[in-house]
Amino acid sequence: MMDCKRALVEANGDIERAKEILREQGLALMTQQEERPVREGRVEVYGHHTGKVGVMVEIACNTDFAAKSAEFLQFSRDVALHIAAEAPEYISPEDIPADALNAEITEFRKQLEEQGKPAEIIEKAIGGRVKRYQQDKCLLKQAFVKDPEVTIEDLLADLRTKTGENIFVRRFVRYAIEDTGCLASS
């Protein structure tokens, strides 16, 4: 509660800026928490009511106290639901294989060159394309399916701040019945 009050004072009453300040404090706290062992967490399972999509996601944390909290349980459910709905391929941009990213850049560069775009425009556009690719493919960068104003990364930062724990999505798998069969990604 006091952290919220301090953030509001620092933000001169601007609630949105206060939220950003709290997220930044949460990220700073997490760099301190990274030293602690992460041996607890939860495996959340979600099955869509049609029976055509299923998800298993592992959310890790430091203590069973945090893993059993209502906020942690809700976050786990929300992430599993989000994965089912949005089908991310990776957890974070660092998880994207270099060859996949390079193939995307090469294809986009080729399209822009065929359109006759100048080199400086191409380079600027490629930066934007890489950011969009990360938003499309990476769980943490995606807009939350229940509230597109926030990303999964924002939800995670909020949870870290509330619990004071190092919490992260360790891995996930998504199964979907498609025209071509069953897909799995993690």
N, C-alpha and C. Protein backbone atom coordinates (compact mmCIF):
# COMPACT_ATOMS: atom_id res chain seq x y z
N MET A 1 0.82 -1.18 0.00
CA MET A 1 0.00 0.00 0.00
C MET A 1 0.87 1.26 0.00
N MET A 2 1.91 1.23 0.81
CA MET A 2 2.80 2.38 0.89
C MET A 2 3.56 2.58 -0.42
N ASP A 3 3.91 1.48 -1.08
CA ASP A 3 4.58 1.58 -2.38
C ASP A 3 3.67 2.30 -3.38
N CYS A 4 2.39 1.97 -3.36
CA CYS A 4 1.42 2.61 -4.25
C CYS A 4 1.34 4.11 -3.97
N LYS A 5 1.30 4.45 -2.69
CA LYS A 5 1.22 5.86 -2.31
C LYS A 5 2.47 6.61 -2.76
N ARG A 6 3.65 6.02 -2.54
CA ARG A 6 4.89 6.65 -2.97
C ARG A 6 4.93 6.83 -4.49
N ALA A 7 4.46 5.82 -5.21
CA ALA A 7 4.45 5.90 -6.68
C ALA A 7 3.51 7.00 -7.15
N LEU A 8 2.35 7.14 -6.50
CA LEU A 8 1.41 8.21 -6.87
C LEU A 8 2.00 9.59 -6.59
N VAL A 9 2.69 9.72 -5.48
CA VAL A 9 3.33 10.99 -5.14
C VAL A 9 4.41 11.30 -6.18
N GLU A 10 5.23 10.32 -6.49
CA GLU A 10 6.30 10.50 -7.48
C GLU A 10 5.74 10.85 -8.86
N ALA A 11 4.57 10.31 -9.19
CA ALA A 11 3.95 10.55 -10.49
C ALA A 11 3.02 11.76 -10.47
N ASN A 12 3.03 12.51 -9.40
CA ASN A 12 2.18 13.70 -9.26
C ASN A 12 0.71 13.39 -9.52
N GLY A 13 0.25 12.25 -8.98
CA GLY A 13 -1.16 11.88 -9.08
C GLY A 13 -1.56 11.21 -10.38
N ASP A 14 -0.64 11.05 -11.32
CA ASP A 14 -0.94 10.39 -12.60
C ASP A 14 -0.94 8.87 -12.38
N ILE A 15 -2.12 8.28 -12.42
CA ILE A 15 -2.26 6.85 -12.11
C ILE A 15 -1.49 5.97 -13.09
N GLU A 16 -1.56 6.31 -14.38
CA GLU A 16 -0.86 5.49 -15.39
C GLU A 16 0.65 5.55 -15.17
N ARG A 17 1.18 6.74 -14.88
CA ARG A 17 2.61 6.87 -14.61
C ARG A 17 2.98 6.13 -13.32
N ALA A 18 2.10 6.16 -12.33
CA ALA A 18 2.34 5.44 -11.07
C ALA A 18 2.43 3.94 -11.33
N LYS A 19 1.57 3.42 -12.21
CA LYS A 19 1.64 1.99 -12.57
C LYS A 19 2.98 1.66 -13.19
N GLU A 20 3.46 2.53 -14.08
CA GLU A 20 4.76 2.32 -14.71
C GLU A 20 5.88 2.31 -13.66
N ILE A 21 5.82 3.23 -12.72
CA ILE A 21 6.83 3.31 -11.66
C ILE A 21 6.82 2.01 -10.86
N LEU A 22 5.64 1.51 -10.52
CA LEU A 22 5.55 0.26 -9.76
C LEU A 22 6.11 -0.92 -10.57
N ARG A 23 5.84 -0.95 -11.87
CA ARG A 23 6.39 -2.01 -12.72
C ARG A 23 7.92 -1.95 -12.73
N GLU A 24 8.46 -0.73 -12.86
CA GLU A 24 9.91 -0.56 -12.86
C GLU A 24 10.51 -1.03 -11.54
N GLN A 25 9.83 -0.71 -10.43
CA GLN A 25 10.31 -1.16 -9.12
C GLN A 25 10.25 -2.68 -9.04
N GLY A 26 9.21 -3.26 -9.62
CA GLY A 26 9.08 -4.71 -9.64
C GLY A 26 10.21 -5.36 -10.43
N LEU A 27 10.58 -4.76 -11.56
CA LEU A 27 11.68 -5.30 -12.36
C LEU A 27 13.00 -5.19 -11.60
N ALA A 28 13.20 -4.07 -10.90
CA ALA A 28 14.41 -3.90 -10.10
C ALA A 28 14.46 -4.94 -8.99
N LEU A 29 13.31 -5.19 -8.36
CA LEU A 29 13.23 -6.20 -7.31
C LEU A 29 13.59 -7.58 -7.86
N MET A 30 13.16 -7.85 -9.08
CA MET A 30 13.40 -9.16 -9.65
C MET A 30 14.87 -9.40 -9.95
N THR A 31 15.62 -8.35 -10.29
CA THR A 31 17.04 -8.55 -10.50
C THR A 31 17.71 -8.97 -9.19
N GLN A 32 17.20 -8.46 -8.06
CA GLN A 32 17.71 -8.89 -6.76
C GLN A 32 17.28 -10.31 -6.45
N GLN A 33 16.07 -10.68 -6.86
CA GLN A 33 15.51 -12.00 -6.56
C GLN A 33 16.10 -13.11 -7.41
N GLU A 34 16.74 -12.78 -8.54
CA GLU A 34 17.23 -13.79 -9.45
C GLU A 34 18.25 -14.73 -8.80
N GLU A 35 18.87 -14.29 -7.72
CA GLU A 35 19.85 -15.11 -7.03
C GLU A 35 19.19 -16.25 -6.25
N ARG A 36 17.95 -16.06 -5.86
CA ARG A 36 17.25 -17.07 -5.05
C ARG A 36 16.86 -18.27 -5.92
N PRO A 37 16.88 -19.45 -5.34
CA PRO A 37 16.50 -20.64 -6.11
C PRO A 37 15.02 -20.64 -6.47
N VAL A 38 14.72 -21.13 -7.66
CA VAL A 38 13.34 -21.22 -8.13
C VAL A 38 12.99 -22.70 -8.17
N ARG A 39 12.33 -23.16 -7.10
CA ARG A 39 12.03 -24.59 -6.96
C ARG A 39 10.53 -24.86 -6.83
N GLU A 40 9.74 -23.83 -6.89
CA GLU A 40 8.30 -23.99 -6.73
C GLU A 40 7.59 -23.48 -7.97
N GLY A 41 6.30 -23.60 -7.96
CA GLY A 41 5.52 -23.09 -9.08
C GLY A 41 4.26 -23.90 -9.29
N ARG A 42 3.81 -23.89 -10.52
CA ARG A 42 2.55 -24.55 -10.84
C ARG A 42 2.56 -24.93 -12.31
N VAL A 43 1.98 -26.08 -12.59
CA VAL A 43 1.69 -26.49 -13.96
C VAL A 43 0.19 -26.31 -14.14
N GLU A 44 -0.17 -25.40 -15.01
CA GLU A 44 -1.58 -25.13 -15.29
C GLU A 44 -1.97 -25.84 -16.58
N VAL A 45 -3.13 -26.46 -16.58
CA VAL A 45 -3.64 -27.16 -17.75
C VAL A 45 -4.96 -26.51 -18.16
N TYR A 46 -5.06 -26.24 -19.44
CA TYR A 46 -6.30 -25.65 -19.96
C TYR A 46 -6.76 -26.47 -21.16
N GLY A 47 -8.01 -26.81 -21.17
CA GLY A 47 -8.61 -27.48 -22.32
C GLY A 47 -9.81 -26.67 -22.78
N HIS A 48 -9.81 -26.28 -24.04
CA HIS A 48 -10.92 -25.50 -24.58
C HIS A 48 -12.19 -26.34 -24.59
N HIS A 49 -13.34 -25.71 -24.41
CA HIS A 49 -14.60 -26.44 -24.31
C HIS A 49 -14.92 -27.26 -25.57
N THR A 50 -14.32 -26.92 -26.71
CA THR A 50 -14.55 -27.69 -27.94
C THR A 50 -13.73 -28.97 -27.95
N GLY A 51 -12.75 -29.04 -27.07
CA GLY A 51 -11.87 -30.21 -27.06
C GLY A 51 -10.85 -30.20 -28.17
N LYS A 52 -10.69 -29.08 -28.86
CA LYS A 52 -9.77 -29.01 -29.99
C LYS A 52 -8.46 -28.28 -29.68
N VAL A 53 -8.38 -27.67 -28.50
CA VAL A 53 -7.15 -26.97 -28.10
C VAL A 53 -6.88 -27.29 -26.63
N GLY A 54 -5.64 -27.62 -26.34
CA GLY A 54 -5.21 -27.87 -24.98
C GLY A 54 -3.85 -27.25 -24.73
N VAL A 55 -3.63 -26.80 -23.50
CA VAL A 55 -2.38 -26.13 -23.13
C VAL A 55 -1.91 -26.64 -21.79
N MET A 56 -0.60 -26.80 -21.67
CA MET A 56 0.07 -27.01 -20.38
C MET A 56 1.16 -25.95 -20.29
N VAL A 57 1.18 -25.23 -19.18
CA VAL A 57 2.18 -24.18 -18.99
C VAL A 57 2.76 -24.32 -17.59
N GLU A 58 4.06 -24.19 -17.48
CA GLU A 58 4.75 -24.22 -16.19
C GLU A 58 5.15 -22.80 -15.82
N ILE A 59 4.64 -22.35 -14.68
CA ILE A 59 4.98 -21.04 -14.12
C ILE A 59 5.82 -21.30 -12.87
N ALA A 60 7.03 -20.79 -12.83
CA ALA A 60 7.95 -21.05 -11.73
C ALA A 60 8.05 -19.85 -10.79
N CYS A 61 8.32 -20.15 -9.51
CA CYS A 61 8.50 -19.10 -8.51
C CYS A 61 9.41 -19.63 -7.39
N ASN A 62 9.68 -18.78 -6.40
CA ASN A 62 10.60 -19.15 -5.33
C ASN A 62 9.96 -19.98 -4.22
N THR A 63 8.73 -19.67 -3.86
CA THR A 63 8.14 -20.31 -2.69
C THR A 63 6.76 -20.90 -2.99
N ASP A 64 6.40 -21.91 -2.21
CA ASP A 64 5.06 -22.49 -2.37
C ASP A 64 4.00 -21.51 -1.88
N PHE A 65 4.38 -20.61 -0.98
CA PHE A 65 3.44 -19.58 -0.51
C PHE A 65 2.94 -18.75 -1.69
N ALA A 66 3.86 -18.31 -2.53
CA ALA A 66 3.48 -17.54 -3.72
C ALA A 66 2.71 -18.40 -4.70
N ALA A 67 3.16 -19.64 -4.90
CA ALA A 67 2.52 -20.54 -5.87
C ALA A 67 1.08 -20.85 -5.51
N LYS A 68 0.75 -20.76 -4.24
CA LYS A 68 -0.61 -21.06 -3.79
C LYS A 68 -1.48 -19.82 -3.63
N SER A 69 -0.91 -18.66 -3.89
CA SER A 69 -1.68 -17.43 -3.73
C SER A 69 -2.74 -17.30 -4.82
N ALA A 70 -3.80 -16.58 -4.51
CA ALA A 70 -4.89 -16.39 -5.46
C ALA A 70 -4.40 -15.66 -6.72
N GLU A 71 -3.52 -14.69 -6.55
CA GLU A 71 -3.00 -13.94 -7.70
C GLU A 71 -2.20 -14.83 -8.63
N PHE A 72 -1.38 -15.70 -8.05
CA PHE A 72 -0.56 -16.62 -8.85
C PHE A 72 -1.45 -17.60 -9.61
N LEU A 73 -2.45 -18.15 -8.93
CA LEU A 73 -3.37 -19.09 -9.57
C LEU A 73 -4.11 -18.42 -10.72
N GLN A 74 -4.57 -17.19 -10.50
CA GLN A 74 -5.29 -16.47 -11.56
C GLN A 74 -4.36 -16.19 -12.74
N PHE A 75 -3.13 -15.77 -12.45
CA PHE A 75 -2.17 -15.52 -13.51
C PHE A 75 -1.92 -16.79 -14.32
N SER A 76 -1.74 -17.92 -13.64
CA SER A 76 -1.49 -19.19 -14.32
C SER A 76 -2.65 -19.54 -15.26
N ARG A 77 -3.86 -19.39 -14.76
CA ARG A 77 -5.05 -19.69 -15.59
C ARG A 77 -5.13 -18.75 -16.79
N ASP A 78 -4.88 -17.47 -16.53
CA ASP A 78 -4.94 -16.49 -17.61
C ASP A 78 -3.89 -16.75 -18.68
N VAL A 79 -2.69 -17.13 -18.28
CA VAL A 79 -1.64 -17.41 -19.24
C VAL A 79 -1.99 -18.65 -20.07
N ALA A 80 -2.50 -19.68 -19.42
CA ALA A 80 -2.90 -20.89 -20.16
C ALA A 80 -4.00 -20.57 -21.16
N LEU A 81 -4.99 -19.81 -20.74
CA LEU A 81 -6.06 -19.39 -21.65
C LEU A 81 -5.51 -18.57 -22.80
N HIS A 82 -4.61 -17.65 -22.49
CA HIS A 82 -4.01 -16.80 -23.51
C HIS A 82 -3.25 -17.63 -24.55
N ILE A 83 -2.47 -18.60 -24.08
CA ILE A 83 -1.71 -19.45 -25.00
C ILE A 83 -2.66 -20.22 -25.91
N ALA A 84 -3.75 -20.70 -25.36
CA ALA A 84 -4.74 -21.42 -26.18
C ALA A 84 -5.32 -20.51 -27.26
N ALA A 85 -5.61 -19.27 -26.90
CA ALA A 85 -6.25 -18.34 -27.83
C ALA A 85 -5.29 -17.76 -28.86
N GLU A 86 -4.08 -17.42 -28.45
CA GLU A 86 -3.17 -16.66 -29.30
C GLU A 86 -2.04 -17.48 -29.93
N ALA A 87 -1.83 -18.68 -29.47
CA ALA A 87 -0.83 -19.60 -30.05
C ALA A 87 0.57 -19.01 -30.22
N PRO A 88 1.17 -18.47 -29.14
CA PRO A 88 2.56 -18.00 -29.28
C PRO A 88 3.48 -19.18 -29.56
N GLU A 89 4.60 -18.89 -30.16
CA GLU A 89 5.57 -19.95 -30.46
C GLU A 89 6.75 -19.96 -29.48
N TYR A 90 7.03 -18.82 -28.90
CA TYR A 90 8.18 -18.68 -28.00
C TYR A 90 7.74 -17.94 -26.73
N ILE A 91 8.54 -18.03 -25.70
CA ILE A 91 8.24 -17.31 -24.47
C ILE A 91 8.67 -15.86 -24.58
N SER A 92 9.90 -15.62 -25.01
CA SER A 92 10.43 -14.26 -25.10
C SER A 92 11.24 -14.09 -26.38
N PRO A 93 11.57 -12.86 -26.76
CA PRO A 93 12.36 -12.65 -27.97
C PRO A 93 13.70 -13.38 -27.96
N GLU A 94 14.27 -13.58 -26.79
CA GLU A 94 15.55 -14.28 -26.69
C GLU A 94 15.43 -15.74 -27.12
N ASP A 95 14.21 -16.27 -27.11
CA ASP A 95 13.98 -17.68 -27.46
C ASP A 95 13.81 -17.90 -28.97
N ILE A 96 13.68 -16.83 -29.74
CA ILE A 96 13.50 -16.97 -31.18
C ILE A 96 14.83 -17.41 -31.79
N PRO A 97 14.83 -18.53 -32.52
CA PRO A 97 16.08 -18.96 -33.18
C PRO A 97 16.54 -17.91 -34.19
N ALA A 98 17.83 -17.69 -34.24
CA ALA A 98 18.39 -16.68 -35.14
C ALA A 98 18.00 -16.94 -36.59
N ASP A 99 17.98 -18.20 -37.00
CA ASP A 99 17.65 -18.49 -38.40
C ASP A 99 16.19 -18.13 -38.72
N ALA A 100 15.27 -18.30 -37.77
CA ALA A 100 13.87 -17.93 -38.00
C ALA A 100 13.73 -16.42 -38.13
N LEU A 101 14.41 -15.69 -37.27
CA LEU A 101 14.36 -14.23 -37.33
C LEU A 101 15.03 -13.72 -38.60
N ASN A 102 16.17 -14.29 -38.95
CA ASN A 102 16.86 -13.87 -40.17
C ASN A 102 16.04 -14.16 -41.42
N ALA A 103 15.33 -15.27 -41.44
CA ALA A 103 14.47 -15.60 -42.58
C ALA A 103 13.36 -14.57 -42.72
N GLU A 104 12.78 -14.15 -41.59
CA GLU A 104 11.73 -13.13 -41.61
C GLU A 104 12.28 -11.81 -42.13
N ILE A 105 13.45 -11.42 -41.67
CA ILE A 105 14.08 -10.17 -42.09
C ILE A 105 14.42 -10.23 -43.58
N THR A 106 14.97 -11.33 -44.03
CA THR A 106 15.35 -11.49 -45.44
C THR A 106 14.13 -11.37 -46.34
N GLU A 107 13.05 -12.04 -45.99
CA GLU A 107 11.83 -12.00 -46.79
C GLU A 107 11.25 -10.59 -46.84
N PHE A 108 11.22 -9.91 -45.71
CA PHE A 108 10.68 -8.56 -45.66
C PHE A 108 11.56 -7.60 -46.46
N ARG A 109 12.88 -7.74 -46.33
CA ARG A 109 13.81 -6.89 -47.08
C ARG A 109 13.58 -7.08 -48.58
N LYS A 110 13.40 -8.31 -49.00
CA LYS A 110 13.17 -8.62 -50.41
C LYS A 110 11.89 -7.94 -50.90
N GLN A 111 10.83 -8.00 -50.10
CA GLN A 111 9.57 -7.36 -50.48
C GLN A 111 9.74 -5.85 -50.64
N LEU A 112 10.45 -5.23 -49.70
CA LEU A 112 10.64 -3.78 -49.76
C LEU A 112 11.52 -3.37 -50.93
N GLU A 113 12.54 -4.17 -51.21
CA GLU A 113 13.42 -3.88 -52.36
C GLU A 113 12.65 -3.99 -53.67
N GLU A 114 11.76 -4.98 -53.75
CA GLU A 114 10.93 -5.14 -54.95
C GLU A 114 9.99 -3.96 -55.14
N GLN A 115 9.61 -3.32 -54.05
CA GLN A 115 8.75 -2.14 -54.11
C GLN A 115 9.54 -0.87 -54.41
N GLY A 116 10.88 -0.99 -54.46
CA GLY A 116 11.74 0.15 -54.78
C GLY A 116 11.96 1.12 -53.64
N LYS A 117 11.85 0.66 -52.41
CA LYS A 117 12.04 1.53 -51.25
C LYS A 117 13.52 1.85 -51.07
N PRO A 118 13.83 3.09 -50.62
CA PRO A 118 15.23 3.46 -50.35
C PRO A 118 15.81 2.67 -49.17
N ALA A 119 17.13 2.53 -49.16
CA ALA A 119 17.82 1.72 -48.15
C ALA A 119 17.53 2.18 -46.72
N GLU A 120 17.52 3.51 -46.49
CA GLU A 120 17.28 3.99 -45.12
C GLU A 120 15.86 3.68 -44.66
N ILE A 121 14.91 3.71 -45.57
CA ILE A 121 13.52 3.35 -45.24
C ILE A 121 13.44 1.85 -44.94
N ILE A 122 14.15 1.07 -45.72
CA ILE A 122 14.14 -0.39 -45.53
C ILE A 122 14.65 -0.74 -44.14
N GLU A 123 15.77 -0.14 -43.73
CA GLU A 123 16.35 -0.45 -42.42
C GLU A 123 15.42 -0.06 -41.29
N LYS A 124 14.77 1.10 -41.42
CA LYS A 124 13.84 1.54 -40.39
C LYS A 124 12.62 0.61 -40.33
N ALA A 125 12.14 0.22 -41.50
CA ALA A 125 10.97 -0.67 -41.57
C ALA A 125 11.30 -2.05 -41.00
N ILE A 126 12.51 -2.50 -41.21
CA ILE A 126 12.91 -3.82 -40.69
C ILE A 126 12.89 -3.81 -39.17
N GLY A 127 13.32 -2.72 -38.55
CA GLY A 127 13.25 -2.61 -37.09
C GLY A 127 11.83 -2.76 -36.59
N GLY A 128 10.90 -2.09 -37.26
CA GLY A 128 9.50 -2.21 -36.91
C GLY A 128 8.95 -3.60 -37.14
N ARG A 129 9.41 -4.25 -38.22
CA ARG A 129 8.95 -5.60 -38.56
C ARG A 129 9.43 -6.61 -37.51
N VAL A 130 10.67 -6.45 -37.05
CA VAL A 130 11.21 -7.34 -36.02
C VAL A 130 10.39 -7.19 -34.73
N LYS A 131 10.07 -5.96 -34.37
CA LYS A 131 9.26 -5.72 -33.17
C LYS A 131 7.89 -6.38 -33.32
N ARG A 132 7.27 -6.23 -34.47
CA ARG A 132 5.96 -6.83 -34.72
C ARG A 132 6.04 -8.35 -34.70
N TYR A 133 7.10 -8.91 -35.27
CA TYR A 133 7.30 -10.36 -35.27
C TYR A 133 7.39 -10.87 -33.84
N GLN A 134 8.13 -10.16 -33.00
CA GLN A 134 8.26 -10.55 -31.60
C GLN A 134 6.92 -10.46 -30.89
N GLN A 135 6.12 -9.43 -31.18
CA GLN A 135 4.80 -9.30 -30.57
C GLN A 135 3.87 -10.43 -31.02
N ASP A 136 4.00 -10.86 -32.25
CA ASP A 136 3.14 -11.93 -32.77
C ASP A 136 3.55 -13.30 -32.24
N LYS A 137 4.83 -13.54 -32.10
CA LYS A 137 5.33 -14.88 -31.81
C LYS A 137 5.71 -15.14 -30.36
N CYS A 138 5.95 -14.09 -29.56
CA CYS A 138 6.46 -14.27 -28.20
C CYS A 138 5.38 -14.01 -27.16
N LEU A 139 5.15 -14.97 -26.32
CA LEU A 139 4.14 -14.90 -25.28
C LEU A 139 4.24 -13.60 -24.48
N LEU A 140 5.41 -13.28 -23.97
CA LEU A 140 5.56 -12.12 -23.08
C LEU A 140 5.28 -10.79 -23.77
N LYS A 141 5.45 -10.73 -25.07
CA LYS A 141 5.24 -9.49 -25.82
C LYS A 141 3.82 -9.34 -26.36
N GLN A 142 3.03 -10.39 -26.27
CA GLN A 142 1.67 -10.34 -26.81
C GLN A 142 0.73 -9.54 -25.91
N ALA A 143 -0.22 -8.87 -26.56
CA ALA A 143 -1.29 -8.19 -25.83
C ALA A 143 -2.17 -9.26 -25.20
N PHE A 144 -2.50 -9.08 -23.93
CA PHE A 144 -3.29 -10.06 -23.20
C PHE A 144 -4.67 -10.20 -23.83
N VAL A 145 -5.09 -11.41 -24.07
CA VAL A 145 -6.34 -11.67 -24.77
C VAL A 145 -7.55 -11.09 -24.03
N LYS A 146 -7.54 -11.03 -22.72
CA LYS A 146 -8.66 -10.48 -21.95
C LYS A 146 -8.62 -8.96 -21.83
N ASP A 147 -7.43 -8.37 -22.00
CA ASP A 147 -7.27 -6.92 -21.90
C ASP A 147 -6.12 -6.49 -22.81
N PRO A 148 -6.41 -6.15 -24.06
CA PRO A 148 -5.35 -5.80 -25.02
C PRO A 148 -4.53 -4.58 -24.66
N GLU A 149 -4.92 -3.85 -23.63
CA GLU A 149 -4.15 -2.68 -23.21
C GLU A 149 -2.86 -3.08 -22.48
N VAL A 150 -2.77 -4.31 -22.00
CA VAL A 150 -1.58 -4.78 -21.27
C VAL A 150 -1.02 -6.02 -21.96
N THR A 151 0.26 -6.22 -21.78
CA THR A 151 0.91 -7.42 -22.32
C THR A 151 1.03 -8.47 -21.21
N ILE A 152 1.35 -9.67 -21.62
CA ILE A 152 1.61 -10.73 -20.64
C ILE A 152 2.80 -10.32 -19.77
N GLU A 153 3.77 -9.68 -20.37
CA GLU A 153 4.93 -9.18 -19.63
C GLU A 153 4.51 -8.20 -18.53
N ASP A 154 3.54 -7.33 -18.83
CA ASP A 154 3.02 -6.38 -17.83
C ASP A 154 2.34 -7.13 -16.69
N LEU A 155 1.52 -8.14 -17.04
CA LEU A 155 0.85 -8.94 -16.00
C LEU A 155 1.87 -9.63 -15.11
N LEU A 156 2.91 -10.15 -15.72
CA LEU A 156 3.96 -10.84 -14.97
C LEU A 156 4.68 -9.86 -14.04
N ALA A 157 4.98 -8.67 -14.54
CA ALA A 157 5.65 -7.66 -13.71
C ALA A 157 4.76 -7.26 -12.52
N ASP A 158 3.47 -7.13 -12.77
CA ASP A 158 2.54 -6.80 -11.68
C ASP A 158 2.53 -7.91 -10.63
N LEU A 159 2.48 -9.15 -11.07
CA LEU A 159 2.47 -10.28 -10.15
C LEU A 159 3.77 -10.34 -9.35
N ARG A 160 4.89 -10.11 -10.01
CA ARG A 160 6.17 -10.09 -9.31
C ARG A 160 6.18 -9.02 -8.22
N THR A 161 5.64 -7.85 -8.56
CA THR A 161 5.59 -6.76 -7.58
C THR A 161 4.71 -7.13 -6.40
N LYS A 162 3.55 -7.72 -6.66
CA LYS A 162 2.62 -8.09 -5.59
C LYS A 162 3.20 -9.16 -4.67
N THR A 163 3.88 -10.13 -5.25
CA THR A 163 4.37 -11.25 -4.44
C THR A 163 5.79 -11.06 -3.93
N GLY A 164 6.56 -10.20 -4.57
CA GLY A 164 7.96 -10.04 -4.20
C GLY A 164 8.80 -11.24 -4.58
N GLU A 165 8.33 -12.00 -5.56
CA GLU A 165 9.00 -13.25 -5.96
C GLU A 165 9.52 -13.16 -7.38
N ASN A 166 10.52 -13.99 -7.66
CA ASN A 166 11.01 -14.17 -9.01
C ASN A 166 10.09 -15.18 -9.69
N ILE A 167 9.19 -14.71 -10.50
CA ILE A 167 8.20 -15.56 -11.17
C ILE A 167 8.45 -15.48 -12.67
N PHE A 168 8.41 -16.61 -13.34
CA PHE A 168 8.56 -16.59 -14.78
C PHE A 168 7.89 -17.80 -15.41
N VAL A 169 7.59 -17.65 -16.70
CA VAL A 169 7.04 -18.76 -17.48
C VAL A 169 8.24 -19.59 -17.92
N ARG A 170 8.30 -20.81 -17.43
CA ARG A 170 9.43 -21.68 -17.74
C ARG A 170 9.27 -22.34 -19.10
N ARG A 171 8.07 -22.88 -19.37
CA ARG A 171 7.83 -23.56 -20.65
C ARG A 171 6.34 -23.78 -20.83
N PHE A 172 5.97 -24.06 -22.08
CA PHE A 172 4.57 -24.38 -22.36
C PHE A 172 4.50 -25.27 -23.59
N VAL A 173 3.37 -25.93 -23.69
CA VAL A 173 3.07 -26.72 -24.89
C VAL A 173 1.60 -26.49 -25.22
N ARG A 174 1.33 -26.34 -26.49
CA ARG A 174 -0.04 -26.11 -26.96
C ARG A 174 -0.35 -27.16 -28.02
N TYR A 175 -1.43 -27.85 -27.79
CA TYR A 175 -1.89 -28.85 -28.74
C TYR A 175 -3.16 -28.33 -29.38
N ALA A 176 -3.26 -28.50 -30.70
CA ALA A 176 -4.47 -28.07 -31.39
C ALA A 176 -4.80 -29.05 -32.50
N ILE A 177 -6.07 -29.40 -32.59
CA ILE A 177 -6.53 -30.23 -33.68
C ILE A 177 -6.72 -29.29 -34.87
N GLU A 178 -5.97 -29.52 -35.90
CA GLU A 178 -6.01 -28.70 -37.11
C GLU A 178 -6.44 -29.58 -38.27
N ASP A 179 -6.61 -28.99 -39.43
CA ASP A 179 -6.92 -29.76 -40.63
C ASP A 179 -5.82 -30.79 -40.93
N THR A 180 -4.58 -30.45 -40.54
CA THR A 180 -3.46 -31.32 -40.85
C THR A 180 -3.10 -32.26 -39.70
N GLY A 181 -3.81 -32.18 -38.58
CA GLY A 181 -3.48 -33.07 -37.46
C GLY A 181 -3.24 -32.29 -36.20
N CYS A 182 -2.31 -32.75 -35.40
CA CYS A 182 -2.04 -32.19 -34.09
C CYS A 182 -0.72 -31.43 -34.11
N LEU A 183 -0.71 -30.22 -33.60
CA LEU A 183 0.48 -29.38 -33.52
C LEU A 183 0.92 -29.26 -32.08
N ALA A 184 2.19 -29.15 -31.87
CA ALA A 184 2.71 -28.86 -30.53
C ALA A 184 3.79 -27.83 -30.67
N SER A 185 3.81 -26.85 -29.79
CA SER A 185 4.88 -25.87 -29.79
C SER A 185 5.23 -25.52 -28.37
N SER A 186 6.46 -25.13 -28.18
CA SER A 186 6.86 -24.62 -26.87
C SER A 186 8.01 -23.68 -27.03
